[in-house]
Amino acid sequence: MAENDLDQQQQSFHEKMPKILIVLIFVVLLIVDLLWLVIAFLLAPVVILLIPVLIILSPVLIILSPVLIILSPVLIILSPVLIILVFVILSPWLITLVLVILWLYKYATGKHPIGAEHVGKAREKIAEAAKEVKNKVEQLVEKVK
């Protein structure tokens, strides 16, 4: 009897397994697709902004290439300094980005970060204004009929 029960469990498992794999593959593909969308939305403005910059800079780089070749030993020595300088210049933006993402995460999970009450009040005001507009539109539609 126990073997028969075990055979039935194995058979039901083998019947359910393809469905589980299909759902798992679908979820993985959905996550990959969403990641590609996020990457595309983040990179699209960068690419759009880089095209005019590259169009403007390419003649300048072609003209200045001999100078860059001559100065390359100096530029190689200065590259760590330039990397640190770029990081120092961009670090406030990165810190701000991280803080904004953390605030949004706390707000979305209901932990009420600083200023969340103002967002709630603004949401209520917008909802009230939308209801008022809706009521006015309904009144105007009734008058027209």
C-alpha atoms as a PDB file:
ATOM      1  CA  MET A   1       0.000   0.000   0.000  1.00  0.00           C
ATOM      2  CA  ALA A   2       2.838   2.381   0.892  1.00  0.00           C
ATOM      3  CA  GLU A   3       4.555   1.664  -2.437  1.00  0.00           C
ATOM      4  CA  ASN A   4       1.321   2.418  -4.293  1.00  0.00           C
ATOM      5  CA  ASP A   5       1.004   5.739  -2.422  1.00  0.00           C
ATOM      6  CA  LEU A   6       4.620   6.569  -3.231  1.00  0.00           C
ATOM      7  CA  ASP A   7       4.076   5.732  -6.916  1.00  0.00           C
ATOM      8  CA  GLN A   8       1.034   8.023  -7.019  1.00  0.00           C
ATOM      9  CA  GLN A   9       2.983  10.860  -5.395  1.00  0.00           C
ATOM     10  CA  GLN A  10       5.848  10.416  -7.865  1.00  0.00           C
ATOM     11  CA  GLN A  11       3.417  10.295 -10.767  1.00  0.00           C
ATOM     12  CA  SER A  12       1.629  13.472  -9.636  1.00  0.00           C
ATOM     13  CA  PHE A  13       5.007  15.132  -9.136  1.00  0.00           C
ATOM     14  CA  HIS A  14       6.078  14.192 -12.670  1.00  0.00           C
ATOM     15  CA  GLU A  15       2.771  15.509 -14.017  1.00  0.00           C
ATOM     16  CA  LYS A  16       3.156  18.820 -12.179  1.00  0.00           C
ATOM     17  CA  MET A  17       6.869  19.222 -12.927  1.00  0.00           C
ATOM     18  CA  PRO A  18       6.504  20.525 -16.509  1.00  0.00           C
ATOM     19  CA  LYS A  19       3.982  23.115 -15.309  1.00  0.00           C
ATOM     20  CA  ILE A  20       6.321  24.220 -12.539  1.00  0.00           C
ATOM     21  CA  LEU A  21       9.226  24.480 -14.988  1.00  0.00           C
ATOM     22  CA  ILE A  22       7.110  26.507 -17.421  1.00  0.00           C
ATOM     23  CA  VAL A  23       6.077  28.915 -14.656  1.00  0.00           C
ATOM     24  CA  LEU A  24       9.668  29.148 -13.423  1.00  0.00           C
ATOM     25  CA  ILE A  25      10.986  29.852 -16.925  1.00  0.00           C
ATOM     26  CA  PHE A  26       8.240  32.424 -17.436  1.00  0.00           C
ATOM     27  CA  VAL A  27       9.120  34.192 -14.175  1.00  0.00           C
ATOM     28  CA  VAL A  28      12.833  34.223 -15.020  1.00  0.00           C
ATOM     29  CA  LEU A  29      12.123  35.591 -18.501  1.00  0.00           C
ATOM     30  CA  LEU A  30       9.816  38.215 -17.028  1.00  0.00           C
ATOM     31  CA  ILE A  31      12.499  39.345 -14.586  1.00  0.00           C
ATOM     32  CA  VAL A  32      15.115  39.477 -17.344  1.00  0.00           C
ATOM     33  CA  ASP A  33      12.718  41.420 -19.553  1.00  0.00           C
ATOM     34  CA  LEU A  34      11.990  43.913 -16.786  1.00  0.00           C
ATOM     35  CA  LEU A  35      15.700  44.354 -16.134  1.00  0.00           C
ATOM     36  CA  TRP A  36      16.297  45.054 -19.824  1.00  0.00           C
ATOM     37  CA  LEU A  37      13.483  47.609 -19.791  1.00  0.00           C
ATOM     38  CA  VAL A  38      14.978  49.364 -16.787  1.00  0.00           C
ATOM     39  CA  ILE A  39      18.407  49.350 -18.387  1.00  0.00           C
ATOM     40  CA  ALA A  40      16.964  50.670 -21.643  1.00  0.00           C
ATOM     41  CA  PHE A  41      15.083  53.479 -19.890  1.00  0.00           C
ATOM     42  CA  LEU A  42      18.180  54.421 -17.925  1.00  0.00           C
ATOM     43  CA  LEU A  43      20.548  54.285 -20.892  1.00  0.00           C
ATOM     44  CA  ALA A  44      18.304  55.871 -23.538  1.00  0.00           C
ATOM     45  CA  PRO A  45      18.706  59.448 -22.223  1.00  0.00           C
ATOM     46  CA  VAL A  46      22.435  58.910 -21.857  1.00  0.00           C
ATOM     47  CA  VAL A  47      22.766  57.696 -25.440  1.00  0.00           C
ATOM     48  CA  ILE A  48      20.541  60.502 -26.729  1.00  0.00           C
ATOM     49  CA  LEU A  49      22.712  63.045 -24.933  1.00  0.00           C
ATOM     50  CA  LEU A  50      25.971  61.407 -26.014  1.00  0.00           C
ATOM     51  CA  ILE A  51      25.251  61.484 -29.744  1.00  0.00           C
ATOM     52  CA  PRO A  52      25.521  65.302 -30.118  1.00  0.00           C
ATOM     53  CA  VAL A  53      28.528  65.333 -27.802  1.00  0.00           C
ATOM     54  CA  LEU A  54      30.273  62.705 -29.924  1.00  0.00           C
ATOM     55  CA  ILE A  55      29.389  64.577 -33.113  1.00  0.00           C
ATOM     56  CA  ILE A  56      30.929  67.737 -31.690  1.00  0.00           C
ATOM     57  CA  LEU A  57      33.937  66.062 -30.075  1.00  0.00           C
ATOM     58  CA  SER A  58      35.003  63.739 -32.880  1.00  0.00           C
ATOM     59  CA  PRO A  59      36.560  66.489 -35.062  1.00  0.00           C
ATOM     60  CA  VAL A  60      38.196  67.921 -31.961  1.00  0.00           C
ATOM     61  CA  LEU A  61      39.630  64.504 -31.073  1.00  0.00           C
ATOM     62  CA  ILE A  62      40.836  63.969 -34.628  1.00  0.00           C
ATOM     63  CA  ILE A  63      42.595  67.328 -34.625  1.00  0.00           C
ATOM     64  CA  LEU A  64      44.028  66.870 -31.130  1.00  0.00           C
ATOM     65  CA  SER A  65      45.073  63.224 -31.512  1.00  0.00           C
ATOM     66  CA  PRO A  66      48.766  64.053 -32.134  1.00  0.00           C
ATOM     67  CA  VAL A  67      48.786  66.131 -28.939  1.00  0.00           C
ATOM     68  CA  LEU A  68      47.079  63.287 -27.037  1.00  0.00           C
ATOM     69  CA  ILE A  69      49.659  60.816 -28.305  1.00  0.00           C
ATOM     70  CA  ILE A  70      52.523  63.056 -27.202  1.00  0.00           C
ATOM     71  CA  LEU A  71      50.931  63.680 -23.788  1.00  0.00           C
ATOM     72  CA  SER A  72      49.835  60.067 -23.211  1.00  0.00           C
ATOM     73  CA  PRO A  73      52.617  59.287 -20.674  1.00  0.00           C
ATOM     74  CA  VAL A  74      51.498  62.263 -18.589  1.00  0.00           C
ATOM     75  CA  LEU A  75      47.816  61.369 -18.976  1.00  0.00           C
ATOM     76  CA  ILE A  76      48.492  57.800 -17.878  1.00  0.00           C
ATOM     77  CA  ILE A  77      50.177  59.072 -14.734  1.00  0.00           C
ATOM     78  CA  LEU A  78      47.321  61.503 -14.095  1.00  0.00           C
ATOM     79  CA  SER A  79      44.530  59.004 -14.785  1.00  0.00           C
ATOM     80  CA  PRO A  80      44.169  57.858 -11.147  1.00  0.00           C
ATOM     81  CA  VAL A  81      43.940  61.500 -10.106  1.00  0.00           C
ATOM     82  CA  LEU A  82      41.305  62.129 -12.779  1.00  0.00           C
ATOM     83  CA  ILE A  83      39.328  59.057 -11.707  1.00  0.00           C
ATOM     84  CA  ILE A  84      39.375  60.209  -8.079  1.00  0.00           C
ATOM     85  CA  LEU A  85      38.401  63.719  -9.163  1.00  0.00           C
ATOM     86  CA  VAL A  86      35.449  62.410 -11.165  1.00  0.00           C
ATOM     87  CA  PHE A  87      34.372  60.279  -8.212  1.00  0.00           C
ATOM     88  CA  VAL A  88      34.592  63.264  -5.855  1.00  0.00           C
ATOM     89  CA  ILE A  89      32.572  65.374  -8.278  1.00  0.00           C
ATOM     90  CA  LEU A  90      29.918  62.678  -8.764  1.00  0.00           C
ATOM     91  CA  SER A  91      29.748  61.399  -5.175  1.00  0.00           C
ATOM     92  CA  PRO A  92      27.139  63.938  -3.985  1.00  0.00           C
ATOM     93  CA  TRP A  93      24.902  62.864  -6.849  1.00  0.00           C
ATOM     94  CA  LEU A  94      25.446  59.197  -6.037  1.00  0.00           C
ATOM     95  CA  ILE A  95      24.762  59.764  -2.346  1.00  0.00           C
ATOM     96  CA  THR A  96      21.591  61.689  -3.211  1.00  0.00           C
ATOM     97  CA  LEU A  97      20.474  58.912  -5.539  1.00  0.00           C
ATOM     98  CA  VAL A  98      21.011  56.270  -2.848  1.00  0.00           C
ATOM     99  CA  LEU A  99      19.165  58.354  -0.255  1.00  0.00           C
ATOM    100  CA  VAL A 100      16.222  58.935  -2.589  1.00  0.00           C
ATOM    101  CA  ILE A 101      16.001  55.227  -3.380  1.00  0.00           C
ATOM    102  CA  LEU A 102      16.138  54.386   0.346  1.00  0.00           C
ATOM    103  CA  TRP A 103      13.410  56.958   1.104  1.00  0.00           C
ATOM    104  CA  LEU A 104      11.188  55.540  -1.647  1.00  0.00           C
ATOM    105  CA  TYR A 105      11.777  52.015  -0.357  1.00  0.00           C
ATOM    106  CA  LYS A 106      10.858  53.011   3.196  1.00  0.00           C
ATOM    107  CA  TYR A 107       7.788  54.870   1.940  1.00  0.00           C
ATOM    108  CA  ALA A 108       6.683  51.931  -0.211  1.00  0.00           C
ATOM    109  CA  THR A 109       7.114  49.456   2.644  1.00  0.00           C
ATOM    110  CA  GLY A 110       5.132  51.661   5.052  1.00  0.00           C
ATOM    111  CA  LYS A 111       7.954  52.639   7.414  1.00  0.00           C
ATOM    112  CA  HIS A 112       6.971  56.359   7.200  1.00  0.00           C
ATOM    113  CA  PRO A 113      10.266  58.142   6.477  1.00  0.00           C
ATOM    114  CA  ILE A 114      10.741  61.834   7.131  1.00  0.00           C
ATOM    115  CA  GLY A 115       8.314  63.862   5.011  1.00  0.00           C
ATOM    116  CA  ALA A 116       5.945  60.977   4.315  1.00  0.00           C
ATOM    117  CA  GLU A 117       3.081  62.858   5.959  1.00  0.00           C
ATOM    118  CA  HIS A 118       3.540  65.693   3.461  1.00  0.00           C
ATOM    119  CA  VAL A 119       3.335  63.228   0.594  1.00  0.00           C
ATOM    120  CA  GLY A 120       0.146  61.788   2.112  1.00  0.00           C
ATOM    121  CA  LYS A 121      -1.389  65.253   2.470  1.00  0.00           C
ATOM    122  CA  ALA A 122      -0.478  66.108  -1.121  1.00  0.00           C
ATOM    123  CA  ARG A 123      -2.009  62.833  -2.317  1.00  0.00           C
ATOM    124  CA  GLU A 124      -5.229  63.630  -0.417  1.00  0.00           C
ATOM    125  CA  LYS A 125      -5.389  67.136  -1.909  1.00  0.00           C
ATOM    126  CA  ILE A 126      -4.878  65.763  -5.413  1.00  0.00           C
ATOM    127  CA  ALA A 127      -7.575  63.130  -4.832  1.00  0.00           C
ATOM    128  CA  GLU A 128      -9.992  65.800  -3.543  1.00  0.00           C
ATOM    129  CA  ALA A 129      -9.266  68.042  -6.531  1.00  0.00           C
ATOM    130  CA  ALA A 130      -9.821  65.120  -8.897  1.00  0.00           C
ATOM    131  CA  LYS A 131     -13.187  64.353  -7.230  1.00  0.00           C
ATOM    132  CA  GLU A 132     -14.205  68.010  -7.525  1.00  0.00           C
ATOM    133  CA  VAL A 133     -13.297  68.086 -11.209  1.00  0.00           C
ATOM    134  CA  LYS A 134     -15.166  64.836 -11.766  1.00  0.00           C
ATOM    135  CA  ASN A 135     -18.270  66.228 -10.033  1.00  0.00           C
ATOM    136  CA  LYS A 136     -18.114  69.454 -12.059  1.00  0.00           C
ATOM    137  CA  VAL A 137     -17.771  67.512 -15.301  1.00  0.00           C
ATOM    138  CA  GLU A 138     -20.739  65.319 -14.349  1.00  0.00           C
ATOM    139  CA  GLN A 139     -22.802  68.444 -13.558  1.00  0.00           C
ATOM    140  CA  LEU A 140     -21.862  70.033 -16.886  1.00  0.00           C
ATOM    141  CA  VAL A 141     -22.757  66.834 -18.750  1.00  0.00           C
ATOM    142  CA  GLU A 142     -26.149  66.756 -16.991  1.00  0.00           C
ATOM    143  CA  LYS A 143     -26.769  70.413 -17.917  1.00  0.00           C
ATOM    144  CA  VAL A 144     -25.938  69.711 -21.556  1.00  0.00           C
ATOM    145  CA  LYS A 145     -28.373  66.774 -21.657  1.00  0.00           C
END
